[in-house]
Amino acid sequence: MTGIFKIIGWGFILLGIMMAGLMGIMVVDGPPLTDPAGVVWLKFDGYSLGQFQVLVQRTLGLPDIWDKYVVPALRAPAWQGMIAVAAVAFLLGIIFLFSARSRARAGIIHQGGHMS
């Protein structure tokens, strides 16, 4: 189980690094990070934005979630969403990696059935 947690943890860390790298690339040569997130997403891959809307509204049957939460997020500046994704990914990665530590490395040593 700890092996799976390590893989998931490193996956989240990698996602955070990729998001930070994408932000760096966009600063140098890309749409302004002050543009709304929906506009930036539309410039990169408008088809996936439409498919995401179909997924949320029709497939999952959550049109209220789309209207109340996703649309305001898409109207916010792109940098806010990207920083949020990077921060959450790093945090989840750290949590998964921390939970994957072995008990001996965490300071819990078993001797004769007793913890010391």
PDB file of N, CA and C in Angstrom:
ATOM      1  N   MET A   1       0.817  -1.193   0.000  1.00  0.00           N
ATOM      2  CA  MET A   1       0.000   0.000   0.000  1.00  0.00           C
ATOM      3  C   MET A   1       0.864   1.261   0.000  1.00  0.00           C
ATOM      4  N   THR A   2       1.996   1.209   0.695  1.00  0.00           N
ATOM      5  CA  THR A   2       2.849   2.395   0.738  1.00  0.00           C
ATOM      6  C   THR A   2       3.420   2.710  -0.639  1.00  0.00           C
ATOM      7  N   GLY A   3       3.634   1.672  -1.461  1.00  0.00           N
ATOM      8  CA  GLY A   3       4.144   1.894  -2.805  1.00  0.00           C
ATOM      9  C   GLY A   3       3.153   2.678  -3.658  1.00  0.00           C
ATOM     10  N   ILE A   4       1.887   2.358  -3.515  1.00  0.00           N
ATOM     11  CA  ILE A   4       0.846   3.076  -4.264  1.00  0.00           C
ATOM     12  C   ILE A   4       0.772   4.521  -3.794  1.00  0.00           C
ATOM     13  N   PHE A   5       0.852   4.725  -2.494  1.00  0.00           N
ATOM     14  CA  PHE A   5       0.815   6.095  -1.961  1.00  0.00           C
ATOM     15  C   PHE A   5       2.010   6.905  -2.464  1.00  0.00           C
ATOM     16  N   LYS A   6       3.175   6.273  -2.566  1.00  0.00           N
ATOM     17  CA  LYS A   6       4.349   6.976  -3.080  1.00  0.00           C
ATOM     18  C   LYS A   6       4.142   7.382  -4.534  1.00  0.00           C
ATOM     19  N   ILE A   7       3.608   6.477  -5.330  1.00  0.00           N
ATOM     20  CA  ILE A   7       3.363   6.778  -6.745  1.00  0.00           C
ATOM     21  C   ILE A   7       2.364   7.923  -6.874  1.00  0.00           C
ATOM     22  N   ILE A   8       1.274   7.860  -6.128  1.00  0.00           N
ATOM     23  CA  ILE A   8       0.262   8.922  -6.168  1.00  0.00           C
ATOM     24  C   ILE A   8       0.875  10.238  -5.679  1.00  0.00           C
ATOM     25  N   GLY A   9       1.643  10.186  -4.603  1.00  0.00           N
ATOM     26  CA  GLY A   9       2.272  11.384  -4.064  1.00  0.00           C
ATOM     27  C   GLY A   9       3.199  12.035  -5.064  1.00  0.00           C
ATOM     28  N   TRP A  10       4.072  11.233  -5.699  1.00  0.00           N
ATOM     29  CA  TRP A  10       4.986  11.797  -6.691  1.00  0.00           C
ATOM     30  C   TRP A  10       4.227  12.296  -7.920  1.00  0.00           C
ATOM     31  N   GLY A  11       3.095  11.643  -8.240  1.00  0.00           N
ATOM     32  CA  GLY A  11       2.263  12.122  -9.346  1.00  0.00           C
ATOM     33  C   GLY A  11       1.714  13.512  -9.067  1.00  0.00           C
ATOM     34  N   PHE A  12       1.245  13.737  -7.850  1.00  0.00           N
ATOM     35  CA  PHE A  12       0.747  15.063  -7.476  1.00  0.00           C
ATOM     36  C   PHE A  12       1.873  16.102  -7.468  1.00  0.00           C
ATOM     37  N   ILE A  13       3.038  15.724  -6.964  1.00  0.00           N
ATOM     38  CA  ILE A  13       4.181  16.643  -6.975  1.00  0.00           C
ATOM     39  C   ILE A  13       4.533  17.011  -8.422  1.00  0.00           C
ATOM     40  N   LEU A  14       4.540  16.021  -9.302  1.00  0.00           N
ATOM     41  CA  LEU A  14       4.826  16.269 -10.715  1.00  0.00           C
ATOM     42  C   LEU A  14       3.786  17.194 -11.329  1.00  0.00           C
ATOM     43  N   LEU A  15       2.513  16.990 -10.998  1.00  0.00           N
ATOM     44  CA  LEU A  15       1.456  17.873 -11.496  1.00  0.00           C
ATOM     45  C   LEU A  15       1.689  19.309 -11.042  1.00  0.00           C
ATOM     46  N   GLY A  16       2.076  19.499  -9.798  1.00  0.00           N
ATOM     47  CA  GLY A  16       2.363  20.835  -9.294  1.00  0.00           C
ATOM     48  C   GLY A  16       3.528  21.478 -10.025  1.00  0.00           C
ATOM     49  N   ILE A  17       4.580  20.687 -10.283  1.00  0.00           N
ATOM     50  CA  ILE A  17       5.732  21.206 -11.018  1.00  0.00           C
ATOM     51  C   ILE A  17       5.338  21.568 -12.444  1.00  0.00           C
ATOM     52  N   MET A  18       4.529  20.726 -13.062  1.00  0.00           N
ATOM     53  CA  MET A  18       4.090  20.997 -14.432  1.00  0.00           C
ATOM     54  C   MET A  18       3.244  22.269 -14.491  1.00  0.00           C
ATOM     55  N   MET A  19       2.382  22.462 -13.529  1.00  0.00           N
ATOM     56  CA  MET A  19       1.543  23.664 -13.517  1.00  0.00           C
ATOM     57  C   MET A  19       2.403  24.909 -13.313  1.00  0.00           C
ATOM     58  N   ALA A  20       3.380  24.834 -12.419  1.00  0.00           N
ATOM     59  CA  ALA A  20       4.282  25.966 -12.214  1.00  0.00           C
ATOM     60  C   ALA A  20       5.089  26.234 -13.483  1.00  0.00           C
ATOM     61  N   GLY A  21       5.533  25.184 -14.155  1.00  0.00           N
ATOM     62  CA  GLY A  21       6.261  25.349 -15.413  1.00  0.00           C
ATOM     63  C   GLY A  21       5.399  25.957 -16.500  1.00  0.00           C
ATOM     64  N   LEU A  22       4.152  25.531 -16.579  1.00  0.00           N
ATOM     65  CA  LEU A  22       3.227  26.100 -17.563  1.00  0.00           C
ATOM     66  C   LEU A  22       3.016  27.583 -17.305  1.00  0.00           C
ATOM     67  N   MET A  23       2.912  27.955 -16.036  1.00  0.00           N
ATOM     68  CA  MET A  23       2.778  29.375 -15.706  1.00  0.00           C
ATOM     69  C   MET A  23       4.009  30.150 -16.154  1.00  0.00           C
ATOM     70  N   GLY A  24       5.194  29.573 -15.954  1.00  0.00           N
ATOM     71  CA  GLY A  24       6.427  30.222 -16.398  1.00  0.00           C
ATOM     72  C   GLY A  24       6.470  30.391 -17.905  1.00  0.00           C
ATOM     73  N   ILE A  25       6.057  29.372 -18.633  1.00  0.00           N
ATOM     74  CA  ILE A  25       6.024  29.451 -20.092  1.00  0.00           C
ATOM     75  C   ILE A  25       5.032  30.511 -20.548  1.00  0.00           C
ATOM     76  N   MET A  26       3.874  30.568 -19.882  1.00  0.00           N
ATOM     77  CA  MET A  26       2.864  31.547 -20.271  1.00  0.00           C
ATOM     78  C   MET A  26       3.313  32.971 -19.996  1.00  0.00           C
ATOM     79  N   VAL A  27       4.118  33.160 -18.957  1.00  0.00           N
ATOM     80  CA  VAL A  27       4.625  34.504 -18.671  1.00  0.00           C
ATOM     81  C   VAL A  27       5.532  34.966 -19.810  1.00  0.00           C
ATOM     82  N   VAL A  28       6.359  34.048 -20.321  1.00  0.00           N
ATOM     83  CA  VAL A  28       7.304  34.393 -21.372  1.00  0.00           C
ATOM     84  C   VAL A  28       6.618  34.496 -22.736  1.00  0.00           C
ATOM     85  N   ASP A  29       5.811  33.499 -23.073  1.00  0.00           N
ATOM     86  CA  ASP A  29       5.237  33.464 -24.417  1.00  0.00           C
ATOM     87  C   ASP A  29       3.896  32.743 -24.384  1.00  0.00           C
ATOM     88  N   GLY A  30       2.861  33.449 -24.072  1.00  0.00           N
ATOM     89  CA  GLY A  30       1.543  32.841 -24.040  1.00  0.00           C
ATOM     90  C   GLY A  30       0.493  33.872 -23.732  1.00  0.00           C
ATOM     91  N   PRO A  31      -0.738  33.412 -23.589  1.00  0.00           N
ATOM     92  CA  PRO A  31      -1.785  34.364 -23.245  1.00  0.00           C
ATOM     93  C   PRO A  31      -1.526  34.968 -21.867  1.00  0.00           C
ATOM     94  N   PRO A  32      -1.899  36.218 -21.684  1.00  0.00           N
ATOM     95  CA  PRO A  32      -1.660  36.846 -20.374  1.00  0.00           C
ATOM     96  C   PRO A  32      -2.370  36.088 -19.243  1.00  0.00           C
ATOM     97  N   LEU A  33      -1.674  35.938 -18.134  1.00  0.00           N
ATOM     98  CA  LEU A  33      -2.256  35.242 -16.984  1.00  0.00           C
ATOM     99  C   LEU A  33      -3.349  36.066 -16.313  1.00  0.00           C
ATOM    100  N   THR A  34      -3.484  37.318 -16.707  1.00  0.00           N
ATOM    101  CA  THR A  34      -4.559  38.149 -16.164  1.00  0.00           C
ATOM    102  C   THR A  34      -5.861  37.962 -16.932  1.00  0.00           C
ATOM    103  N   ASP A  35      -5.804  37.284 -18.082  1.00  0.00           N
ATOM    104  CA  ASP A  35      -7.031  36.959 -18.824  1.00  0.00           C
ATOM    105  C   ASP A  35      -7.866  35.987 -18.001  1.00  0.00           C
ATOM    106  N   PRO A  36      -9.182  35.977 -18.211  1.00  0.00           N
ATOM    107  CA  PRO A  36     -10.013  34.989 -17.516  1.00  0.00           C
ATOM    108  C   PRO A  36      -9.564  33.561 -17.852  1.00  0.00           C
ATOM    109  N   ALA A  37      -9.680  32.679 -16.877  1.00  0.00           N
ATOM    110  CA  ALA A  37      -9.253  31.294 -17.055  1.00  0.00           C
ATOM    111  C   ALA A  37      -9.982  30.624 -18.216  1.00  0.00           C
ATOM    112  N   GLY A  38     -11.250  30.931 -18.388  1.00  0.00           N
ATOM    113  CA  GLY A  38     -12.014  30.343 -19.487  1.00  0.00           C
ATOM    114  C   GLY A  38     -11.476  30.762 -20.846  1.00  0.00           C
ATOM    115  N   VAL A  39     -11.035  32.002 -20.969  1.00  0.00           N
ATOM    116  CA  VAL A  39     -10.459  32.490 -22.216  1.00  0.00           C
ATOM    117  C   VAL A  39      -9.133  31.778 -22.502  1.00  0.00           C
ATOM    118  N   VAL A  40      -8.305  31.637 -21.480  1.00  0.00           N
ATOM    119  CA  VAL A  40      -7.021  30.949 -21.645  1.00  0.00           C
ATOM    120  C   VAL A  40      -7.251  29.490 -22.024  1.00  0.00           C
ATOM    121  N   TRP A  41      -8.185  28.819 -21.342  1.00  0.00           N
ATOM    122  CA  TRP A  41      -8.490  27.424 -21.646  1.00  0.00           C
ATOM    123  C   TRP A  41      -8.996  27.319 -23.084  1.00  0.00           C
ATOM    124  N   LEU A  42      -9.843  28.243 -23.505  1.00  0.00           N
ATOM    125  CA  LEU A  42     -10.389  28.248 -24.854  1.00  0.00           C
ATOM    126  C   LEU A  42      -9.272  28.400 -25.892  1.00  0.00           C
ATOM    127  N   LYS A  43      -8.273  29.228 -25.597  1.00  0.00           N
ATOM    128  CA  LYS A  43      -7.146  29.411 -26.520  1.00  0.00           C
ATOM    129  C   LYS A  43      -6.305  28.147 -26.636  1.00  0.00           C
ATOM    130  N   PHE A  44      -6.115  27.442 -25.524  1.00  0.00           N
ATOM    131  CA  PHE A  44      -5.309  26.227 -25.543  1.00  0.00           C
ATOM    132  C   PHE A  44      -6.057  25.052 -26.166  1.00  0.00           C
ATOM    133  N   ASP A  45      -7.280  24.823 -25.722  1.00  0.00           N
ATOM    134  CA  ASP A  45      -8.031  23.659 -26.199  1.00  0.00           C
ATOM    135  C   ASP A  45      -9.516  23.875 -25.936  1.00  0.00           C
ATOM    136  N   GLY A  46     -10.151  24.603 -26.837  1.00  0.00           N
ATOM    137  CA  GLY A  46     -11.566  24.920 -26.685  1.00  0.00           C
ATOM    138  C   GLY A  46     -12.461  23.692 -26.682  1.00  0.00           C
ATOM    139  N   TYR A  47     -12.065  22.651 -27.425  1.00  0.00           N
ATOM    140  CA  TYR A  47     -12.877  21.439 -27.480  1.00  0.00           C
ATOM    141  C   TYR A  47     -12.987  20.792 -26.097  1.00  0.00           C
ATOM    142  N   SER A  48     -11.866  20.716 -25.365  1.00  0.00           N
ATOM    143  CA  SER A  48     -11.912  20.076 -24.051  1.00  0.00           C
ATOM    144  C   SER A  48     -12.741  20.890 -23.062  1.00  0.00           C
ATOM    145  N   LEU A  49     -12.768  22.218 -23.229  1.00  0.00           N
ATOM    146  CA  LEU A  49     -13.610  23.050 -22.370  1.00  0.00           C
ATOM    147  C   LEU A  49     -15.079  22.695 -22.577  1.00  0.00           C
ATOM    148  N   GLY A  50     -15.482  22.550 -23.833  1.00  0.00           N
ATOM    149  CA  GLY A  50     -16.860  22.149 -24.128  1.00  0.00           C
ATOM    150  C   GLY A  50     -17.177  20.762 -23.603  1.00  0.00           C
ATOM    151  N   GLN A  51     -16.225  19.852 -23.730  1.00  0.00           N
ATOM    152  CA  GLN A  51     -16.435  18.492 -23.231  1.00  0.00           C
ATOM    153  C   GLN A  51     -16.525  18.458 -21.715  1.00  0.00           C
ATOM    154  N   PHE A  52     -15.755  19.318 -21.051  1.00  0.00           N
ATOM    155  CA  PHE A  52     -15.828  19.403 -19.593  1.00  0.00           C
ATOM    156  C   PHE A  52     -17.202  19.903 -19.159  1.00  0.00           C
ATOM    157  N   GLN A  53     -17.737  20.869 -19.899  1.00  0.00           N
ATOM    158  CA  GLN A  53     -19.076  21.366 -19.585  1.00  0.00           C
ATOM    159  C   GLN A  53     -20.111  20.267 -19.757  1.00  0.00           C
ATOM    160  N   VAL A  54     -20.008  19.500 -20.836  1.00  0.00           N
ATOM    161  CA  VAL A  54     -20.935  18.383 -21.064  1.00  0.00           C
ATOM    162  C   VAL A  54     -20.805  17.361 -19.943  1.00  0.00           C
ATOM    163  N   LEU A  55     -19.582  17.068 -19.526  1.00  0.00           N
ATOM    164  CA  LEU A  55     -19.354  16.108 -18.444  1.00  0.00           C
ATOM    165  C   LEU A  55     -20.052  16.551 -17.164  1.00  0.00           C
ATOM    166  N   VAL A  56     -19.844  17.810 -16.789  1.00  0.00           N
ATOM    167  CA  VAL A  56     -20.398  18.301 -15.527  1.00  0.00           C
ATOM    168  C   VAL A  56     -21.917  18.423 -15.602  1.00  0.00           C
ATOM    169  N   GLN A  57     -22.423  19.032 -16.656  1.00  0.00           N
ATOM    170  CA  GLN A  57     -23.856  19.328 -16.716  1.00  0.00           C
ATOM    171  C   GLN A  57     -24.704  18.115 -17.074  1.00  0.00           C
ATOM    172  N   ARG A  58     -24.289  17.366 -18.070  1.00  0.00           N
ATOM    173  CA  ARG A  58     -25.143  16.276 -18.567  1.00  0.00           C
ATOM    174  C   ARG A  58     -24.770  14.917 -17.996  1.00  0.00           C
ATOM    175  N   THR A  59     -23.489  14.548 -18.129  1.00  0.00           N
ATOM    176  CA  THR A  59     -23.074  13.212 -17.703  1.00  0.00           C
ATOM    177  C   THR A  59     -23.210  13.045 -16.197  1.00  0.00           C
ATOM    178  N   LEU A  60     -22.701  14.007 -15.437  1.00  0.00           N
ATOM    179  CA  LEU A  60     -22.806  13.937 -13.985  1.00  0.00           C
ATOM    180  C   LEU A  60     -24.137  14.475 -13.474  1.00  0.00           C
ATOM    181  N   GLY A  61     -24.855  15.210 -14.336  1.00  0.00           N
ATOM    182  CA  GLY A  61     -26.153  15.759 -13.949  1.00  0.00           C
ATOM    183  C   GLY A  61     -26.055  16.841 -12.887  1.00  0.00           C
ATOM    184  N   LEU A  62     -25.041  17.712 -12.991  1.00  0.00           N
ATOM    185  CA  LEU A  62     -24.820  18.743 -11.988  1.00  0.00           C
ATOM    186  C   LEU A  62     -24.802  20.143 -12.618  1.00  0.00           C
ATOM    187  N   PRO A  63     -25.900  20.563 -13.261  1.00  0.00           N
ATOM    188  CA  PRO A  63     -25.883  21.888 -13.891  1.00  0.00           C
ATOM    189  C   PRO A  63     -25.721  23.016 -12.879  1.00  0.00           C
ATOM    190  N   ASP A  64     -26.197  22.838 -11.649  1.00  0.00           N
ATOM    191  CA  ASP A  64     -26.035  23.879 -10.629  1.00  0.00           C
ATOM    192  C   ASP A  64     -24.569  24.067 -10.255  1.00  0.00           C
ATOM    193  N   ILE A  65     -23.814  22.982 -10.200  1.00  0.00           N
ATOM    194  CA  ILE A  65     -22.384  23.064  -9.892  1.00  0.00           C
ATOM    195  C   ILE A  65     -21.681  23.878 -10.977  1.00  0.00           C
ATOM    196  N   TRP A  66     -22.049  23.630 -12.234  1.00  0.00           N
ATOM    197  CA  TRP A  66     -21.442  24.370 -13.337  1.00  0.00           C
ATOM    198  C   TRP A  66     -21.708  25.864 -13.189  1.00  0.00           C
ATOM    199  N   ASP A  67     -22.978  26.200 -12.950  1.00  0.00           N
ATOM    200  CA  ASP A  67     -23.367  27.610 -12.890  1.00  0.00           C
ATOM    201  C   ASP A  67     -22.829  28.327 -11.656  1.00  0.00           C
ATOM    202  N   LYS A  68     -22.841  27.654 -10.508  1.00  0.00           N
ATOM    203  CA  LYS A  68     -22.464  28.321  -9.253  1.00  0.00           C
ATOM    204  C   LYS A  68     -20.964  28.349  -8.986  1.00  0.00           C
ATOM    205  N   TYR A  69     -20.231  27.326  -9.464  1.00  0.00           N
ATOM    206  CA  TYR A  69     -18.828  27.209  -9.097  1.00  0.00           C
ATOM    207  C   TYR A  69     -17.867  27.262 -10.287  1.00  0.00           C
ATOM    208  N   VAL A  70     -18.174  26.522 -11.344  1.00  0.00           N
ATOM    209  CA  VAL A  70     -17.238  26.442 -12.466  1.00  0.00           C
ATOM    210  C   VAL A  70     -17.211  27.749 -13.258  1.00  0.00           C
ATOM    211  N   VAL A  71     -18.382  28.290 -13.571  1.00  0.00           N
ATOM    212  CA  VAL A  71     -18.420  29.535 -14.351  1.00  0.00           C
ATOM    213  C   VAL A  71     -17.691  30.677 -13.629  1.00  0.00           C
ATOM    214  N   PRO A  72     -17.930  30.902 -12.332  1.00  0.00           N
ATOM    215  CA  PRO A  72     -17.139  31.947 -11.658  1.00  0.00           C
ATOM    216  C   PRO A  72     -15.627  31.666 -11.681  1.00  0.00           C
ATOM    217  N   ALA A  73     -15.243  30.405 -11.562  1.00  0.00           N
ATOM    218  CA  ALA A  73     -13.816  30.064 -11.628  1.00  0.00           C
ATOM    219  C   ALA A  73     -13.250  30.354 -13.016  1.00  0.00           C
ATOM    220  N   LEU A  74     -14.049  30.117 -14.056  1.00  0.00           N
ATOM    221  CA  LEU A  74     -13.591  30.391 -15.419  1.00  0.00           C
ATOM    222  C   LEU A  74     -13.530  31.890 -15.709  1.00  0.00           C
ATOM    223  N   ARG A  75     -14.256  32.683 -14.951  1.00  0.00           N
ATOM    224  CA  ARG A  75     -14.222  34.139 -15.123  1.00  0.00           C
ATOM    225  C   ARG A  75     -13.089  34.793 -14.342  1.00  0.00           C
ATOM    226  N   ALA A  76     -12.534  34.082 -13.381  1.00  0.00           N
ATOM    227  CA  ALA A  76     -11.435  34.607 -12.565  1.00  0.00           C
ATOM    228  C   ALA A  76     -10.149  34.628 -13.391  1.00  0.00           C
ATOM    229  N   PRO A  77      -9.182  35.462 -12.996  1.00  0.00           N
ATOM    230  CA  PRO A  77      -7.901  35.478 -13.716  1.00  0.00           C
ATOM    231  C   PRO A  77      -7.245  34.096 -13.704  1.00  0.00           C
ATOM    232  N   ALA A  78      -6.621  33.763 -14.821  1.00  0.00           N
ATOM    233  CA  ALA A  78      -6.021  32.432 -14.980  1.00  0.00           C
ATOM    234  C   ALA A  78      -4.973  32.141 -13.912  1.00  0.00           C
ATOM    235  N   TRP A  79      -4.213  33.158 -13.493  1.00  0.00           N
ATOM    236  CA  TRP A  79      -3.152  32.913 -12.525  1.00  0.00           C
ATOM    237  C   TRP A  79      -3.703  32.400 -11.208  1.00  0.00           C
ATOM    238  N   GLN A  80      -4.902  32.831 -10.818  1.00  0.00           N
ATOM    239  CA  GLN A  80      -5.479  32.364  -9.548  1.00  0.00           C
ATOM    240  C   GLN A  80      -5.756  30.867  -9.582  1.00  0.00           C
ATOM    241  N   GLY A  81      -6.367  30.419 -10.652  1.00  0.00           N
ATOM    242  CA  GLY A  81      -6.670  28.993 -10.770  1.00  0.00           C
ATOM    243  C   GLY A  81      -5.427  28.140 -10.889  1.00  0.00           C
ATOM    244  N   MET A  82      -4.446  28.634 -11.628  1.00  0.00           N
ATOM    245  CA  MET A  82      -3.220  27.863 -11.817  1.00  0.00           C
ATOM    246  C   MET A  82      -2.437  27.748 -10.515  1.00  0.00           C
ATOM    247  N   ILE A  83      -2.373  28.822  -9.762  1.00  0.00           N
ATOM    248  CA  ILE A  83      -1.690  28.760  -8.464  1.00  0.00           C
ATOM    249  C   ILE A  83      -2.441  27.826  -7.517  1.00  0.00           C
ATOM    250  N   ALA A  84      -3.771  27.871  -7.551  1.00  0.00           N
ATOM    251  CA  ALA A  84      -4.562  26.988  -6.691  1.00  0.00           C
ATOM    252  C   ALA A  84      -4.316  25.526  -7.043  1.00  0.00           C
ATOM    253  N   VAL A  85      -4.301  25.199  -8.330  1.00  0.00           N
ATOM    254  CA  VAL A  85      -4.054  23.814  -8.747  1.00  0.00           C
ATOM    255  C   VAL A  85      -2.657  23.373  -8.325  1.00  0.00           C
ATOM    256  N   ALA A  86      -1.656  24.225  -8.547  1.00  0.00           N
ATOM    257  CA  ALA A  86      -0.283  23.872  -8.168  1.00  0.00           C
ATOM    258  C   ALA A  86      -0.166  23.673  -6.656  1.00  0.00           C
ATOM    259  N   ALA A  87      -0.755  24.569  -5.882  1.00  0.00           N
ATOM    260  CA  ALA A  87      -0.657  24.474  -4.420  1.00  0.00           C
ATOM    261  C   ALA A  87      -1.360  23.224  -3.895  1.00  0.00           C
ATOM    262  N   VAL A  88      -2.552  22.948  -4.394  1.00  0.00           N
ATOM    263  CA  VAL A  88      -3.290  21.757  -3.947  1.00  0.00           C
ATOM    264  C   VAL A  88      -2.544  20.496  -4.358  1.00  0.00           C
ATOM    265  N   ALA A  89      -1.980  20.479  -5.567  1.00  0.00           N
ATOM    266  CA  ALA A  89      -1.230  19.303  -6.015  1.00  0.00           C
ATOM    267  C   ALA A  89      -0.014  19.058  -5.123  1.00  0.00           C
ATOM    268  N   PHE A  90       0.742  20.112  -4.829  1.00  0.00           N
ATOM    269  CA  PHE A  90       1.897  19.961  -3.932  1.00  0.00           C
ATOM    270  C   PHE A  90       1.458  19.471  -2.550  1.00  0.00           C
ATOM    271  N   LEU A  91       0.393  20.046  -2.022  1.00  0.00           N
ATOM    272  CA  LEU A  91      -0.092  19.660  -0.703  1.00  0.00           C
ATOM    273  C   LEU A  91      -0.524  18.193  -0.683  1.00  0.00           C
ATOM    274  N   LEU A  92      -1.295  17.769  -1.684  1.00  0.00           N
ATOM    275  CA  LEU A  92      -1.707  16.364  -1.745  1.00  0.00           C
ATOM    276  C   LEU A  92      -0.509  15.441  -1.920  1.00  0.00           C
ATOM    277  N   GLY A  93       0.459  15.873  -2.720  1.00  0.00           N
ATOM    278  CA  GLY A  93       1.661  15.065  -2.895  1.00  0.00           C
ATOM    279  C   GLY A  93       2.405  14.873  -1.591  1.00  0.00           C
ATOM    280  N   ILE A  94       2.550  15.929  -0.835  1.00  0.00           N
ATOM    281  CA  ILE A  94       3.235  15.839   0.460  1.00  0.00           C
ATOM    282  C   ILE A  94       2.458  14.943   1.418  1.00  0.00           C
ATOM    283  N   ILE A  95       1.147  15.081   1.425  1.00  0.00           N
ATOM    284  CA  ILE A  95       0.317  14.250   2.313  1.00  0.00           C
ATOM    285  C   ILE A  95       0.474  12.775   1.962  1.00  0.00           C
ATOM    286  N   PHE A  96       0.403  12.445   0.659  1.00  0.00           N
ATOM    287  CA  PHE A  96       0.538  11.042   0.253  1.00  0.00           C
ATOM    288  C   PHE A  96       1.938  10.514   0.546  1.00  0.00           C
ATOM    289  N   LEU A  97       2.963  11.310   0.278  1.00  0.00           N
ATOM    290  CA  LEU A  97       4.325  10.845   0.550  1.00  0.00           C
ATOM    291  C   LEU A  97       4.564  10.687   2.044  1.00  0.00           C
ATOM    292  N   PHE A  98       4.035  11.595   2.851  1.00  0.00           N
ATOM    293  CA  PHE A  98       4.187  11.490   4.300  1.00  0.00           C
ATOM    294  C   PHE A  98       3.486  10.241   4.827  1.00  0.00           C
ATOM    295  N   SER A  99       2.295   9.950   4.292  1.00  0.00           N
ATOM    296  CA  SER A  99       1.553   8.779   4.768  1.00  0.00           C
ATOM    297  C   SER A  99       2.172   7.473   4.272  1.00  0.00           C
ATOM    298  N   ALA A 100       3.057   7.539   3.276  1.00  0.00           N
ATOM    299  CA  ALA A 100       3.685   6.332   2.748  1.00  0.00           C
ATOM    300  C   ALA A 100       4.960   5.959   3.499  1.00  0.00           C
ATOM    301  N   ARG A 101       5.383   6.790   4.438  1.00  0.00           N
ATOM    302  CA  ARG A 101       6.607   6.483   5.184  1.00  0.00           C
ATOM    303  C   ARG A 101       6.430   5.194   5.965  1.00  0.00           C
ATOM    304  N   SER A 102       7.502   4.457   6.086  1.00  0.00           N
ATOM    305  CA  SER A 102       7.434   3.226   6.869  1.00  0.00           C
ATOM    306  C   SER A 102       7.369   3.581   8.350  1.00  0.00           C
ATOM    307  N   ARG A 103       6.873   2.670   9.146  1.00  0.00           N
ATOM    308  CA  ARG A 103       6.734   2.935  10.579  1.00  0.00           C
ATOM    309  C   ARG A 103       8.083   3.122  11.255  1.00  0.00           C
ATOM    310  N   ALA A 104       9.081   2.371  10.831  1.00  0.00           N
ATOM    311  CA  ALA A 104      10.405   2.504  11.444  1.00  0.00           C
ATOM    312  C   ALA A 104      10.984   3.884  11.164  1.00  0.00           C
ATOM    313  N   ARG A 105      10.785   4.385   9.950  1.00  0.00           N
ATOM    314  CA  ARG A 105      11.304   5.708   9.612  1.00  0.00           C
ATOM    315  C   ARG A 105      10.491   6.799  10.287  1.00  0.00           C
ATOM    316  N   ALA A 106       9.243   6.495  10.633  1.00  0.00           N
ATOM    317  CA  ALA A 106       8.402   7.489  11.291  1.00  0.00           C
ATOM    318  C   ALA A 106       8.681   7.555  12.792  1.00  0.00           C
ATOM    319  N   GLY A 107       9.554   6.680  13.293  1.00  0.00           N
ATOM    320  CA  GLY A 107       9.915   6.725  14.694  1.00  0.00           C
ATOM    321  C   GLY A 107       9.170   5.721  15.554  1.00  0.00           C
ATOM    322  N   ILE A 108       8.399   4.841  14.950  1.00  0.00           N
ATOM    323  CA  ILE A 108       7.673   3.819  15.703  1.00  0.00           C
ATOM    324  C   ILE A 108       8.420   2.501  15.496  1.00  0.00           C
ATOM    325  N   ILE A 109       9.018   1.996  16.545  1.00  0.00           N
ATOM    326  CA  ILE A 109       9.812   0.766  16.462  1.00  0.00           C
ATOM    327  C   ILE A 109       9.166  -0.278  17.343  1.00  0.00           C
ATOM    328  N   HIS A 110       8.946  -1.447  16.767  1.00  0.00           N
ATOM    329  CA  HIS A 110       8.323  -2.543  17.512  1.00  0.00           C
ATOM    330  C   HIS A 110       9.413  -3.477  18.030  1.00  0.00           C
ATOM    331  N   GLN A 111       9.375  -3.749  19.329  1.00  0.00           N
ATOM    332  CA  GLN A 111      10.308  -4.688  19.923  1.00  0.00           C
ATOM    333  C   GLN A 111       9.516  -5.594  20.854  1.00  0.00           C
ATOM    334  N   GLY A 112       9.459  -6.844  20.471  1.00  0.00           N
ATOM    335  CA  GLY A 112       8.785  -7.829  21.325  1.00  0.00           C
ATOM    336  C   GLY A 112       7.308  -7.512  21.526  1.00  0.00           C
ATOM    337  N   GLY A 113       6.670  -6.941  20.545  1.00  0.00           N
ATOM    338  CA  GLY A 113       5.252  -6.642  20.662  1.00  0.00           C
ATOM    339  C   GLY A 113       4.935  -5.343  21.377  1.00  0.00           C
ATOM    340  N   HIS A 114       5.936  -4.644  21.866  1.00  0.00           N
ATOM    341  CA  HIS A 114       5.730  -3.384  22.563  1.00  0.00           C
ATOM    342  C   HIS A 114       6.312  -2.252  21.746  1.00  0.00           C
ATOM    343  N   MET A 115       5.674  -1.120  21.843  1.00  0.00           N
ATOM    344  CA  MET A 115       6.227   0.054  21.180  1.00  0.00           C
ATOM    345  C   MET A 115       7.087   0.793  22.181  1.00  0.00           C
ATOM    346  N   SER A 116       8.206   1.294  21.685  1.00  0.00           N
ATOM    347  CA  SER A 116       9.088   2.051  22.581  1.00  0.00           C
ATOM    348  C   SER A 116       9.325   3.430  22.041  1.00  0.00           C
TER     349      SER A 116
END
